[in-house]
Amino acid sequence: MARTRSAESRRPDLRAARAKLPEPLGTAVDAFERHLAAERGLSAHTVRGYIGDIVSLLGHLAGSADDATLAALDVSVLREWLSAQHAHGVSRATLARRTASARTFTGWAFRAELLPVDPGPRLSVPSKQRKLPAVLRVDQAGSAMQASAVGAEQGDPVALRDHAVLELLYATGIRVAELCGLDVDDVDRERRLVRVIGKGDKERAVPFGVPADQALGRWLSAGRPILTRESSGAALFLGVRGGRLDPRAVRRTVHDAVGVVSGAPDVGPHGLRHSAATHLLEGGADLRSVQELLGHATLATTQLYTHVTVERLKAIHDRTHPRS
C-alpha cells in the first residue's frame, strides 16, 4: 500500500494549533495518534480527521481551564466545546463526527489511565441528516465509460490509464484510496478479481467484468510500461512521473469524464462507488452481498443505497405513470 504523510503534515493550521497545546496535552495527542495508526490500523486520512478534532477539543480545554491538564476534561468541557462549534455554524453532520471523535479519545484516555473517569458516554451524539448521495443513471455511467474509451483509442498512456481507472472504479465500487493502493499482483485477470486492502487493513476480493478487464489489459501492456520508472515499484496505476497515482488525479479524471455526459450530476470517485452500489441493487443483488463487495463494516451503511433505489423508483413512477 502507498504510504502517505503524517496526520498533520499537509495541514499547516493543524500543525500550528497542535504546537500551541501545553506539553501534557500535546503528549496525549501524540500517544492517541500512535494508538489510532498502530493499534487500530486506521488510514492516514482517518487518523488526520481524529487528530484535527482532538486538537480542537484540547485547544478549547487549554483556553477554558486554569489547570490545562487532561484530568480537567469532563463532560461540561465537552459540551462547551460542541456548543462553541455549533455557534460557529458547524453542520450537524460535522458535530456528530466530532462527538464520536471525542468519545473515542476519552475512552482511550480512560483505558490508558490518563483520565480518572470516562465522560464520553454521557455525551449524546447529535442526530445528523443523511443526504442521499448523487448517483449516475446506468446510461450516464455507460456514456462516461464510452467517452473515456474513445480517448484511450489513441494509445496515449495517460488516456489508457484513466480509462482503466474509470472502468475499475465503476466495476468494483472500491474507494479511491483502495484503488491508488493497488499493486499489479493484486489483480487476478484470469479470475477477474482484485484484492483490496480496505479500512482497518481488512482484505477482501472484489470481482470485475469484461470491460474493466479489457481496459486493464490495454493499460498494462501499452500504457504502464511507458510511464514506469525505477521508483514505480509494484504500483498498478502510475502518475506521469512514474510514482504511484495520487487520489487527486483520480478525482480529476472522474470529474472530467462525467462532465462530458449531458445531464449527469457532478460526481467524483465516491459518486462512482455510490452508482455501482445502486446499480447492483437495482439489478437484483442482495444487500449483504453489496455490503461485502463495498467493504462496509455494518449493514446499516449499505442500507443507505436502498433509499437511493426507492427514491429513483419514485421519480420514475412520477414521470411515467398516468395517475402519478
C-alpha atoms as a PDB file:
ATOM      1  CA  MET A   1       0.000   0.000   0.000  1.00  0.00           C
ATOM      2  CA  ALA A   2       1.096   3.560  -0.679  1.00  0.00           C
ATOM      3  CA  ARG A   3       2.454   5.415   2.294  1.00  0.00           C
ATOM      4  CA  THR A   4       1.016   8.839   2.998  1.00  0.00           C
ATOM      5  CA  ARG A   5       2.431  11.628   5.057  1.00  0.00           C
ATOM      6  CA  SER A   6       1.712  12.010   8.756  1.00  0.00           C
ATOM      7  CA  ALA A   7      -1.613  13.225  10.060  1.00  0.00           C
ATOM      8  CA  GLU A   8      -0.852  16.930  10.076  1.00  0.00           C
ATOM      9  CA  SER A   9       1.998  17.318   7.568  1.00  0.00           C
ATOM     10  CA  ARG A  10      -0.287  18.693   4.878  1.00  0.00           C
ATOM     11  CA  ARG A  11      -2.292  20.838   7.318  1.00  0.00           C
ATOM     12  CA  PRO A  12      -0.231  23.859   8.454  1.00  0.00           C
ATOM     13  CA  ASP A  13      -3.182  25.158  10.502  1.00  0.00           C
ATOM     14  CA  LEU A  14      -3.449  21.861  12.378  1.00  0.00           C
ATOM     15  CA  ARG A  15       0.295  21.715  12.915  1.00  0.00           C
ATOM     16  CA  ALA A  16       0.254  25.249  14.355  1.00  0.00           C
ATOM     17  CA  ALA A  17      -2.713  24.523  16.627  1.00  0.00           C
ATOM     18  CA  ARG A  18      -1.061  21.337  17.823  1.00  0.00           C
ATOM     19  CA  ALA A  19       2.172  23.183  18.606  1.00  0.00           C
ATOM     20  CA  LYS A  20       0.254  25.634  20.824  1.00  0.00           C
ATOM     21  CA  LEU A  21      -1.042  22.923  23.135  1.00  0.00           C
ATOM     22  CA  PRO A  22       0.560  22.682  26.583  1.00  0.00           C
ATOM     23  CA  GLU A  23       3.118  19.895  26.686  1.00  0.00           C
ATOM     24  CA  PRO A  24       0.980  17.381  28.663  1.00  0.00           C
ATOM     25  CA  LEU A  25      -1.881  17.742  26.185  1.00  0.00           C
ATOM     26  CA  GLY A  26       0.464  17.541  23.212  1.00  0.00           C
ATOM     27  CA  THR A  27       1.949  14.350  24.626  1.00  0.00           C
ATOM     28  CA  ALA A  28      -1.547  12.867  24.933  1.00  0.00           C
ATOM     29  CA  VAL A  29      -2.281  13.732  21.298  1.00  0.00           C
ATOM     30  CA  ASP A  30       0.953  12.011  20.221  1.00  0.00           C
ATOM     31  CA  ALA A  31       0.059   8.859  22.136  1.00  0.00           C
ATOM     32  CA  PHE A  32      -3.511   8.849  20.791  1.00  0.00           C
ATOM     33  CA  GLU A  33      -2.211   9.202  17.234  1.00  0.00           C
ATOM     34  CA  ARG A  34       0.078   6.210  17.727  1.00  0.00           C
ATOM     35  CA  HIS A  35      -2.858   4.224  19.092  1.00  0.00           C
ATOM     36  CA  LEU A  36      -5.041   5.032  16.069  1.00  0.00           C
ATOM     37  CA  ALA A  37      -2.366   4.260  13.496  1.00  0.00           C
ATOM     38  CA  ALA A  38      -0.515   1.330  15.058  1.00  0.00           C
ATOM     39  CA  GLU A  39      -3.066  -0.442  17.250  1.00  0.00           C
ATOM     40  CA  ARG A  40      -6.294   0.232  15.367  1.00  0.00           C
ATOM     41  CA  GLY A  41      -4.682   0.286  11.916  1.00  0.00           C
ATOM     42  CA  LEU A  42      -6.669   3.284  10.671  1.00  0.00           C
ATOM     43  CA  SER A  43      -5.761   5.034   7.434  1.00  0.00           C
ATOM     44  CA  ALA A  44      -3.741   8.246   7.463  1.00  0.00           C
ATOM     45  CA  HIS A  45      -6.813  10.146   6.264  1.00  0.00           C
ATOM     46  CA  THR A  46      -8.955   8.829   9.148  1.00  0.00           C
ATOM     47  CA  VAL A  47      -6.212   9.485  11.700  1.00  0.00           C
ATOM     48  CA  ARG A  48      -5.879  13.031  10.377  1.00  0.00           C
ATOM     49  CA  GLY A  49      -9.606  13.590  10.948  1.00  0.00           C
ATOM     50  CA  TYR A  50      -9.468  12.280  14.521  1.00  0.00           C
ATOM     51  CA  ILE A  51      -6.393  14.318  15.390  1.00  0.00           C
ATOM     52  CA  GLY A  52      -7.883  17.521  13.957  1.00  0.00           C
ATOM     53  CA  ASP A  53     -10.960  17.086  16.144  1.00  0.00           C
ATOM     54  CA  ILE A  54      -8.977  16.277  19.291  1.00  0.00           C
ATOM     55  CA  VAL A  55      -6.539  19.155  18.824  1.00  0.00           C
ATOM     56  CA  SER A  56      -9.579  21.438  18.578  1.00  0.00           C
ATOM     57  CA  LEU A  57     -11.055  19.923  21.748  1.00  0.00           C
ATOM     58  CA  LEU A  58      -7.833  20.160  23.755  1.00  0.00           C
ATOM     59  CA  GLY A  59      -7.237  23.681  22.469  1.00  0.00           C
ATOM     60  CA  HIS A  60     -10.641  24.589  23.899  1.00  0.00           C
ATOM     61  CA  LEU A  61      -9.721  22.862  27.161  1.00  0.00           C
ATOM     62  CA  ALA A  62      -6.433  24.776  27.396  1.00  0.00           C
ATOM     63  CA  GLY A  63      -8.229  28.078  26.831  1.00  0.00           C
ATOM     64  CA  SER A  64     -11.057  27.463  29.293  1.00  0.00           C
ATOM     65  CA  ALA A  65      -9.400  25.722  32.236  1.00  0.00           C
ATOM     66  CA  ASP A  66      -6.877  27.174  34.658  1.00  0.00           C
ATOM     67  CA  ASP A  67      -5.344  23.741  35.026  1.00  0.00           C
ATOM     68  CA  ALA A  68      -4.633  22.707  31.422  1.00  0.00           C
ATOM     69  CA  THR A  69      -4.238  19.026  32.147  1.00  0.00           C
ATOM     70  CA  LEU A  70      -6.159  16.142  30.705  1.00  0.00           C
ATOM     71  CA  ALA A  71      -7.712  15.414  34.122  1.00  0.00           C
ATOM     72  CA  ALA A  72      -9.770  18.604  33.716  1.00  0.00           C
ATOM     73  CA  LEU A  73     -11.545  17.168  30.670  1.00  0.00           C
ATOM     74  CA  ASP A  74     -15.072  16.406  31.860  1.00  0.00           C
ATOM     75  CA  VAL A  75     -18.494  16.333  30.256  1.00  0.00           C
ATOM     76  CA  SER A  76     -19.068  20.056  30.830  1.00  0.00           C
ATOM     77  CA  VAL A  77     -15.921  20.890  28.832  1.00  0.00           C
ATOM     78  CA  LEU A  78     -17.027  18.537  26.065  1.00  0.00           C
ATOM     79  CA  ARG A  79     -20.444  20.188  25.896  1.00  0.00           C
ATOM     80  CA  GLU A  80     -18.979  23.688  25.932  1.00  0.00           C
ATOM     81  CA  TRP A  81     -16.676  22.746  23.058  1.00  0.00           C
ATOM     82  CA  LEU A  82     -19.527  21.357  20.959  1.00  0.00           C
ATOM     83  CA  SER A  83     -21.700  24.368  21.798  1.00  0.00           C
ATOM     84  CA  ALA A  84     -18.954  26.697  20.576  1.00  0.00           C
ATOM     85  CA  GLN A  85     -18.689  24.655  17.385  1.00  0.00           C
ATOM     86  CA  HIS A  86     -22.448  24.927  16.856  1.00  0.00           C
ATOM     87  CA  ALA A  87     -22.350  28.690  17.438  1.00  0.00           C
ATOM     88  CA  HIS A  88     -19.783  28.996  14.630  1.00  0.00           C
ATOM     89  CA  GLY A  89     -22.159  27.328  12.198  1.00  0.00           C
ATOM     90  CA  VAL A  90     -20.688  23.810  12.145  1.00  0.00           C
ATOM     91  CA  SER A  91     -23.119  21.381  10.490  1.00  0.00           C
ATOM     92  CA  ARG A  92     -24.912  18.633  12.389  1.00  0.00           C
ATOM     93  CA  ALA A  93     -23.013  16.001  10.441  1.00  0.00           C
ATOM     94  CA  THR A  94     -19.682  17.532  11.484  1.00  0.00           C
ATOM     95  CA  LEU A  95     -20.854  17.883  15.090  1.00  0.00           C
ATOM     96  CA  ALA A  96     -21.808  14.207  15.102  1.00  0.00           C
ATOM     97  CA  ARG A  97     -18.369  13.262  13.770  1.00  0.00           C
ATOM     98  CA  ARG A  98     -16.574  15.427  16.340  1.00  0.00           C
ATOM     99  CA  THR A  99     -18.694  13.976  19.127  1.00  0.00           C
ATOM    100  CA  ALA A 100     -17.711  10.494  18.020  1.00  0.00           C
ATOM    101  CA  SER A 101     -14.055  11.541  17.884  1.00  0.00           C
ATOM    102  CA  ALA A 102     -14.256  12.952  21.412  1.00  0.00           C
ATOM    103  CA  ARG A 103     -15.869   9.779  22.755  1.00  0.00           C
ATOM    104  CA  THR A 104     -13.195   7.640  21.101  1.00  0.00           C
ATOM    105  CA  PHE A 105     -10.484   9.823  22.652  1.00  0.00           C
ATOM    106  CA  THR A 106     -11.912   9.886  26.180  1.00  0.00           C
ATOM    107  CA  GLY A 107     -12.478   6.128  26.095  1.00  0.00           C
ATOM    108  CA  TRP A 108      -8.844   5.602  25.086  1.00  0.00           C
ATOM    109  CA  ALA A 109      -7.593   8.103  27.691  1.00  0.00           C
ATOM    110  CA  PHE A 110      -9.557   6.363  30.446  1.00  0.00           C
ATOM    111  CA  ARG A 111      -8.181   2.943  29.484  1.00  0.00           C
ATOM    112  CA  ALA A 112      -4.687   4.452  29.392  1.00  0.00           C
ATOM    113  CA  GLU A 113      -5.277   5.824  32.933  1.00  0.00           C
ATOM    114  CA  LEU A 114      -4.945   9.415  31.729  1.00  0.00           C
ATOM    115  CA  LEU A 115      -8.499  10.211  32.881  1.00  0.00           C
ATOM    116  CA  PRO A 116      -9.991   9.176  36.233  1.00  0.00           C
ATOM    117  CA  VAL A 117     -13.410   8.623  34.603  1.00  0.00           C
ATOM    118  CA  ASP A 118     -14.630   8.483  31.026  1.00  0.00           C
ATOM    119  CA  PRO A 119     -17.030  11.385  30.348  1.00  0.00           C
ATOM    120  CA  GLY A 120     -17.672  10.272  26.765  1.00  0.00           C
ATOM    121  CA  PRO A 121     -20.707   8.013  27.389  1.00  0.00           C
ATOM    122  CA  ARG A 122     -22.532  10.984  28.945  1.00  0.00           C
ATOM    123  CA  LEU A 123     -22.133  12.954  25.739  1.00  0.00           C
ATOM    124  CA  SER A 124     -25.076  12.452  23.398  1.00  0.00           C
ATOM    125  CA  VAL A 125     -24.390  12.186  19.683  1.00  0.00           C
ATOM    126  CA  PRO A 126     -26.286  14.825  17.663  1.00  0.00           C
ATOM    127  CA  SER A 127     -28.541  13.285  15.066  1.00  0.00           C
ATOM    128  CA  LYS A 128     -27.429  14.051  11.555  1.00  0.00           C
ATOM    129  CA  GLN A 129     -29.431  14.320   8.398  1.00  0.00           C
ATOM    130  CA  ARG A 130     -28.319  11.748   5.869  1.00  0.00           C
ATOM    131  CA  LYS A 131     -28.317  13.205   2.398  1.00  0.00           C
ATOM    132  CA  LEU A 132     -28.915  10.716  -0.360  1.00  0.00           C
ATOM    133  CA  PRO A 133     -25.770  10.544  -2.472  1.00  0.00           C
ATOM    134  CA  ALA A 134     -25.807  11.746  -6.055  1.00  0.00           C
ATOM    135  CA  VAL A 135     -25.607   8.803  -8.433  1.00  0.00           C
ATOM    136  CA  LEU A 136     -25.396   8.328 -12.173  1.00  0.00           C
ATOM    137  CA  ARG A 137     -28.072   6.547 -14.124  1.00  0.00           C
ATOM    138  CA  VAL A 138     -26.911   3.363 -15.834  1.00  0.00           C
ATOM    139  CA  ASP A 139     -26.912   5.090 -19.216  1.00  0.00           C
ATOM    140  CA  GLN A 140     -24.944   8.045 -17.852  1.00  0.00           C
ATOM    141  CA  ALA A 141     -22.296   5.743 -16.366  1.00  0.00           C
ATOM    142  CA  GLY A 142     -22.096   3.953 -19.703  1.00  0.00           C
ATOM    143  CA  SER A 143     -21.665   7.238 -21.556  1.00  0.00           C
ATOM    144  CA  ALA A 144     -18.811   8.274 -19.235  1.00  0.00           C
ATOM    145  CA  MET A 145     -17.065   4.942 -19.808  1.00  0.00           C
ATOM    146  CA  GLN A 146     -17.558   5.231 -23.564  1.00  0.00           C
ATOM    147  CA  ALA A 147     -16.183   8.777 -23.681  1.00  0.00           C
ATOM    148  CA  SER A 148     -13.129   7.582 -21.782  1.00  0.00           C
ATOM    149  CA  ALA A 149     -12.719   4.629 -24.159  1.00  0.00           C
ATOM    150  CA  VAL A 150     -12.722   6.950 -27.175  1.00  0.00           C
ATOM    151  CA  GLY A 151      -9.865   8.940 -25.636  1.00  0.00           C
ATOM    152  CA  ALA A 152      -7.925   5.754 -24.954  1.00  0.00           C
ATOM    153  CA  GLU A 153      -8.180   4.623 -28.573  1.00  0.00           C
ATOM    154  CA  GLN A 154      -5.345   6.990 -29.485  1.00  0.00           C
ATOM    155  CA  GLY A 155      -2.955   4.926 -27.353  1.00  0.00           C
ATOM    156  CA  ASP A 156      -1.819   7.760 -25.087  1.00  0.00           C
ATOM    157  CA  PRO A 157      -0.609   6.114 -21.835  1.00  0.00           C
ATOM    158  CA  VAL A 158      -2.400   8.607 -19.573  1.00  0.00           C
ATOM    159  CA  ALA A 159      -5.664   8.107 -21.502  1.00  0.00           C
ATOM    160  CA  LEU A 160      -5.236   4.322 -21.244  1.00  0.00           C
ATOM    161  CA  ARG A 161      -4.661   4.647 -17.513  1.00  0.00           C
ATOM    162  CA  ASP A 162      -7.639   6.940 -16.998  1.00  0.00           C
ATOM    163  CA  HIS A 163      -9.939   4.601 -18.879  1.00  0.00           C
ATOM    164  CA  ALA A 164      -8.781   1.627 -16.796  1.00  0.00           C
ATOM    165  CA  VAL A 165      -9.228   3.673 -13.611  1.00  0.00           C
ATOM    166  CA  LEU A 166     -12.799   4.612 -14.506  1.00  0.00           C
ATOM    167  CA  GLU A 167     -13.778   1.106 -15.544  1.00  0.00           C
ATOM    168  CA  LEU A 168     -12.301  -0.455 -12.405  1.00  0.00           C
ATOM    169  CA  LEU A 169     -13.869   2.095 -10.055  1.00  0.00           C
ATOM    170  CA  TYR A 170     -17.322   1.592 -11.558  1.00  0.00           C
ATOM    171  CA  ALA A 171     -16.963  -2.174 -11.900  1.00  0.00           C
ATOM    172  CA  THR A 172     -15.913  -2.746  -8.302  1.00  0.00           C
ATOM    173  CA  GLY A 173     -17.173   0.206  -6.274  1.00  0.00           C
ATOM    174  CA  ILE A 174     -13.853   0.362  -4.412  1.00  0.00           C
ATOM    175  CA  ARG A 175     -12.735   3.528  -2.657  1.00  0.00           C
ATOM    176  CA  VAL A 176     -10.276   5.893  -4.328  1.00  0.00           C
ATOM    177  CA  ALA A 177      -7.633   5.201  -1.657  1.00  0.00           C
ATOM    178  CA  GLU A 178      -8.076   1.469  -2.201  1.00  0.00           C
ATOM    179  CA  LEU A 179      -7.635   1.900  -5.941  1.00  0.00           C
ATOM    180  CA  CYS A 180      -4.493   4.007  -5.576  1.00  0.00           C
ATOM    181  CA  GLY A 181      -3.034   1.452  -3.164  1.00  0.00           C
ATOM    182  CA  LEU A 182      -3.360  -1.456  -5.602  1.00  0.00           C
ATOM    183  CA  ASP A 183      -0.267  -3.291  -6.820  1.00  0.00           C
ATOM    184  CA  VAL A 184      -0.017  -5.188 -10.092  1.00  0.00           C
ATOM    185  CA  ASP A 185      -0.119  -8.534  -8.268  1.00  0.00           C
ATOM    186  CA  ASP A 186      -3.399  -7.567  -6.589  1.00  0.00           C
ATOM    187  CA  VAL A 187      -5.196  -8.079  -9.909  1.00  0.00           C
ATOM    188  CA  ASP A 188      -6.106 -11.624 -10.924  1.00  0.00           C
ATOM    189  CA  ARG A 189      -7.196 -11.193 -14.540  1.00  0.00           C
ATOM    190  CA  GLU A 190      -7.761 -14.892 -15.068  1.00  0.00           C
ATOM    191  CA  ARG A 191     -10.495 -14.976 -12.422  1.00  0.00           C
ATOM    192  CA  ARG A 192     -11.299 -11.270 -12.820  1.00  0.00           C
ATOM    193  CA  LEU A 193     -10.792 -10.495  -9.141  1.00  0.00           C
ATOM    194  CA  VAL A 194      -8.971  -7.661  -7.428  1.00  0.00           C
ATOM    195  CA  ARG A 195      -7.544  -7.991  -3.922  1.00  0.00           C
ATOM    196  CA  VAL A 196      -8.331  -4.852  -1.929  1.00  0.00           C
ATOM    197  CA  ILE A 197      -6.976  -3.694   1.436  1.00  0.00           C
ATOM    198  CA  GLY A 198      -9.763  -1.611   2.953  1.00  0.00           C
ATOM    199  CA  LYS A 199     -10.336   0.291   6.163  1.00  0.00           C
ATOM    200  CA  GLY A 200      -8.699  -1.249   9.209  1.00  0.00           C
ATOM    201  CA  ASP A 201      -6.378  -3.221   6.902  1.00  0.00           C
ATOM    202  CA  LYS A 202      -9.231  -5.624   6.145  1.00  0.00           C
ATOM    203  CA  GLU A 203      -8.701  -7.591   2.946  1.00  0.00           C
ATOM    204  CA  ARG A 204     -11.450  -8.527   0.514  1.00  0.00           C
ATOM    205  CA  ALA A 205     -11.687  -9.851  -3.038  1.00  0.00           C
ATOM    206  CA  VAL A 206     -13.888  -7.908  -5.454  1.00  0.00           C
ATOM    207  CA  PRO A 207     -14.902  -9.157  -8.912  1.00  0.00           C
ATOM    208  CA  PHE A 208     -14.875  -7.029 -12.059  1.00  0.00           C
ATOM    209  CA  GLY A 209     -16.309  -7.549 -15.513  1.00  0.00           C
ATOM    210  CA  VAL A 210     -15.054  -7.887 -19.064  1.00  0.00           C
ATOM    211  CA  PRO A 211     -14.910  -4.135 -19.943  1.00  0.00           C
ATOM    212  CA  ALA A 212     -12.729  -3.416 -16.908  1.00  0.00           C
ATOM    213  CA  ASP A 213     -10.533  -6.420 -17.710  1.00  0.00           C
ATOM    214  CA  GLN A 214     -10.041  -5.234 -21.283  1.00  0.00           C
ATOM    215  CA  ALA A 215      -9.186  -1.699 -20.145  1.00  0.00           C
ATOM    216  CA  LEU A 216      -6.719  -3.080 -17.586  1.00  0.00           C
ATOM    217  CA  GLY A 217      -5.127  -5.277 -20.227  1.00  0.00           C
ATOM    218  CA  ARG A 218      -4.506  -2.328 -22.548  1.00  0.00           C
ATOM    219  CA  TRP A 219      -3.109  -0.243 -19.691  1.00  0.00           C
ATOM    220  CA  LEU A 220      -0.768  -2.987 -18.506  1.00  0.00           C
ATOM    221  CA  SER A 221       0.517  -3.828 -21.980  1.00  0.00           C
ATOM    222  CA  ALA A 222       0.643  -0.449 -23.712  1.00  0.00           C
ATOM    223  CA  GLY A 223       0.343   2.268 -21.057  1.00  0.00           C
ATOM    224  CA  ARG A 224       2.090   1.330 -17.841  1.00  0.00           C
ATOM    225  CA  PRO A 225       5.400   0.302 -19.462  1.00  0.00           C
ATOM    226  CA  ILE A 226       5.768   3.817 -20.894  1.00  0.00           C
ATOM    227  CA  LEU A 227       5.213   5.552 -17.542  1.00  0.00           C
ATOM    228  CA  THR A 228       7.255   3.090 -15.471  1.00  0.00           C
ATOM    229  CA  ARG A 229      10.385   4.432 -13.766  1.00  0.00           C
ATOM    230  CA  GLU A 230      12.865   2.902 -11.322  1.00  0.00           C
ATOM    231  CA  SER A 231      10.807   4.358  -8.488  1.00  0.00           C
ATOM    232  CA  SER A 232       7.492   2.914  -9.713  1.00  0.00           C
ATOM    233  CA  GLY A 233       7.722  -0.310  -7.760  1.00  0.00           C
ATOM    234  CA  ALA A 234       4.725  -2.607  -7.999  1.00  0.00           C
ATOM    235  CA  ALA A 235       2.055   0.120  -8.137  1.00  0.00           C
ATOM    236  CA  LEU A 236      -0.750  -0.760 -10.540  1.00  0.00           C
ATOM    237  CA  PHE A 237      -1.582   2.804 -11.531  1.00  0.00           C
ATOM    238  CA  LEU A 238       1.155   5.376 -12.108  1.00  0.00           C
ATOM    239  CA  GLY A 239       1.284   9.136 -12.385  1.00  0.00           C
ATOM    240  CA  VAL A 240       3.012  10.934 -15.249  1.00  0.00           C
ATOM    241  CA  ARG A 241       6.292  10.943 -13.298  1.00  0.00           C
ATOM    242  CA  GLY A 242       6.158   7.228 -12.620  1.00  0.00           C
ATOM    243  CA  GLY A 243       5.111   7.338  -8.983  1.00  0.00           C
ATOM    244  CA  ARG A 244       2.002   5.754  -7.501  1.00  0.00           C
ATOM    245  CA  LEU A 245      -1.119   7.526  -8.762  1.00  0.00           C
ATOM    246  CA  ASP A 246      -2.402  10.235  -6.417  1.00  0.00           C
ATOM    247  CA  PRO A 247      -6.105  10.291  -5.361  1.00  0.00           C
ATOM    248  CA  ARG A 248      -6.363  13.914  -6.518  1.00  0.00           C
ATOM    249  CA  ALA A 249      -5.512  12.853 -10.061  1.00  0.00           C
ATOM    250  CA  VAL A 250      -8.204  10.177  -9.884  1.00  0.00           C
ATOM    251  CA  ARG A 251     -10.762  12.750  -8.766  1.00  0.00           C
ATOM    252  CA  ARG A 252      -9.888  14.997 -11.716  1.00  0.00           C
ATOM    253  CA  THR A 253     -10.186  12.034 -14.062  1.00  0.00           C
ATOM    254  CA  VAL A 254     -13.651  11.126 -12.832  1.00  0.00           C
ATOM    255  CA  HIS A 255     -14.931  14.710 -12.834  1.00  0.00           C
ATOM    256  CA  ASP A 256     -13.636  15.238 -16.378  1.00  0.00           C
ATOM    257  CA  ALA A 257     -15.182  12.014 -17.678  1.00  0.00           C
ATOM    258  CA  VAL A 258     -18.583  12.584 -16.086  1.00  0.00           C
ATOM    259  CA  GLY A 259     -18.527  16.262 -17.032  1.00  0.00           C
ATOM    260  CA  VAL A 260     -18.964  15.472 -20.747  1.00  0.00           C
ATOM    261  CA  VAL A 261     -22.166  13.477 -20.100  1.00  0.00           C
ATOM    262  CA  SER A 262     -25.244  15.624 -20.646  1.00  0.00           C
ATOM    263  CA  GLY A 263     -27.444  15.922 -17.571  1.00  0.00           C
ATOM    264  CA  ALA A 264     -25.179  13.880 -15.321  1.00  0.00           C
ATOM    265  CA  PRO A 265     -24.642  15.071 -11.734  1.00  0.00           C
ATOM    266  CA  ASP A 266     -21.141  16.230 -10.842  1.00  0.00           C
ATOM    267  CA  VAL A 267     -19.726  13.180  -9.084  1.00  0.00           C
ATOM    268  CA  GLY A 268     -16.226  12.088  -8.159  1.00  0.00           C
ATOM    269  CA  PRO A 269     -14.794   8.655  -7.359  1.00  0.00           C
ATOM    270  CA  HIS A 270     -17.130   8.240  -4.394  1.00  0.00           C
ATOM    271  CA  GLY A 271     -20.030   9.031  -6.713  1.00  0.00           C
ATOM    272  CA  LEU A 272     -18.966   6.129  -8.921  1.00  0.00           C
ATOM    273  CA  ARG A 273     -18.905   3.955  -5.791  1.00  0.00           C
ATOM    274  CA  HIS A 274     -22.444   5.098  -4.938  1.00  0.00           C
ATOM    275  CA  SER A 275     -23.536   4.466  -8.526  1.00  0.00           C
ATOM    276  CA  ALA A 276     -22.039   0.974  -8.595  1.00  0.00           C
ATOM    277  CA  ALA A 277     -23.813   0.014  -5.366  1.00  0.00           C
ATOM    278  CA  THR A 278     -27.131   1.453  -6.530  1.00  0.00           C
ATOM    279  CA  HIS A 279     -26.951  -0.290  -9.893  1.00  0.00           C
ATOM    280  CA  LEU A 280     -26.108  -3.604  -8.218  1.00  0.00           C
ATOM    281  CA  LEU A 281     -29.188  -3.358  -6.000  1.00  0.00           C
ATOM    282  CA  GLU A 282     -31.381  -2.250  -8.887  1.00  0.00           C
ATOM    283  CA  GLY A 283     -30.132  -5.255 -10.825  1.00  0.00           C
ATOM    284  CA  GLY A 284     -31.224  -7.654  -8.088  1.00  0.00           C
ATOM    285  CA  ALA A 285     -28.130  -8.060  -5.882  1.00  0.00           C
ATOM    286  CA  ASP A 286     -28.908  -8.753  -2.222  1.00  0.00           C
ATOM    287  CA  LEU A 287     -27.900  -6.232   0.417  1.00  0.00           C
ATOM    288  CA  ARG A 288     -25.365  -8.435   2.222  1.00  0.00           C
ATOM    289  CA  SER A 289     -23.506  -9.209  -0.998  1.00  0.00           C
ATOM    290  CA  VAL A 290     -23.238  -5.498  -1.751  1.00  0.00           C
ATOM    291  CA  GLN A 291     -22.048  -4.901   1.819  1.00  0.00           C
ATOM    292  CA  GLU A 292     -19.258  -7.434   1.329  1.00  0.00           C
ATOM    293  CA  LEU A 293     -18.254  -6.010  -2.045  1.00  0.00           C
ATOM    294  CA  LEU A 294     -18.078  -2.457  -0.721  1.00  0.00           C
ATOM    295  CA  GLY A 295     -16.258  -3.424   2.466  1.00  0.00           C
ATOM    296  CA  HIS A 296     -18.812  -1.829   4.797  1.00  0.00           C
ATOM    297  CA  ALA A 297     -18.355  -2.757   8.444  1.00  0.00           C
ATOM    298  CA  THR A 298     -22.111  -2.719   9.109  1.00  0.00           C
ATOM    299  CA  LEU A 299     -25.188  -3.423   7.045  1.00  0.00           C
ATOM    300  CA  ALA A 300     -26.665  -0.094   8.153  1.00  0.00           C
ATOM    301  CA  THR A 301     -24.193   1.775   5.944  1.00  0.00           C
ATOM    302  CA  THR A 302     -25.133  -0.292   2.908  1.00  0.00           C
ATOM    303  CA  GLN A 303     -28.844   0.219   3.595  1.00  0.00           C
ATOM    304  CA  LEU A 304     -28.472   3.845   2.542  1.00  0.00           C
ATOM    305  CA  TYR A 305     -28.457   2.603  -1.039  1.00  0.00           C
ATOM    306  CA  THR A 306     -31.880   1.024  -0.650  1.00  0.00           C
ATOM    307  CA  HIS A 307     -33.196   4.530  -0.004  1.00  0.00           C
ATOM    308  CA  VAL A 308     -31.475   5.704  -3.186  1.00  0.00           C
ATOM    309  CA  THR A 309     -33.143   2.994  -5.249  1.00  0.00           C
ATOM    310  CA  VAL A 310     -36.542   3.747  -3.709  1.00  0.00           C
ATOM    311  CA  GLU A 311     -36.182   7.448  -4.499  1.00  0.00           C
ATOM    312  CA  ARG A 312     -35.215   6.624  -8.080  1.00  0.00           C
ATOM    313  CA  LEU A 313     -38.213   4.322  -8.450  1.00  0.00           C
ATOM    314  CA  LYS A 314     -40.486   7.058  -7.125  1.00  0.00           C
ATOM    315  CA  ALA A 315     -39.045   9.535  -9.622  1.00  0.00           C
ATOM    316  CA  ILE A 316     -39.609   7.068 -12.486  1.00  0.00           C
ATOM    317  CA  HIS A 317     -43.165   6.488 -11.299  1.00  0.00           C
ATOM    318  CA  ASP A 318     -43.847  10.234 -11.146  1.00  0.00           C
ATOM    319  CA  ARG A 319     -42.563  10.676 -14.692  1.00  0.00           C
ATOM    320  CA  THR A 320     -44.211   7.687 -16.311  1.00  0.00           C
ATOM    321  CA  HIS A 321     -47.404   6.585 -14.530  1.00  0.00           C
ATOM    322  CA  PRO A 322     -50.571   8.163 -15.942  1.00  0.00           C
ATOM    323  CA  ARG A 323     -52.043   8.613 -12.459  1.00  0.00           C
ATOM    324  CA  SER A 324     -48.873   9.553 -10.577  1.00  0.00           C
END
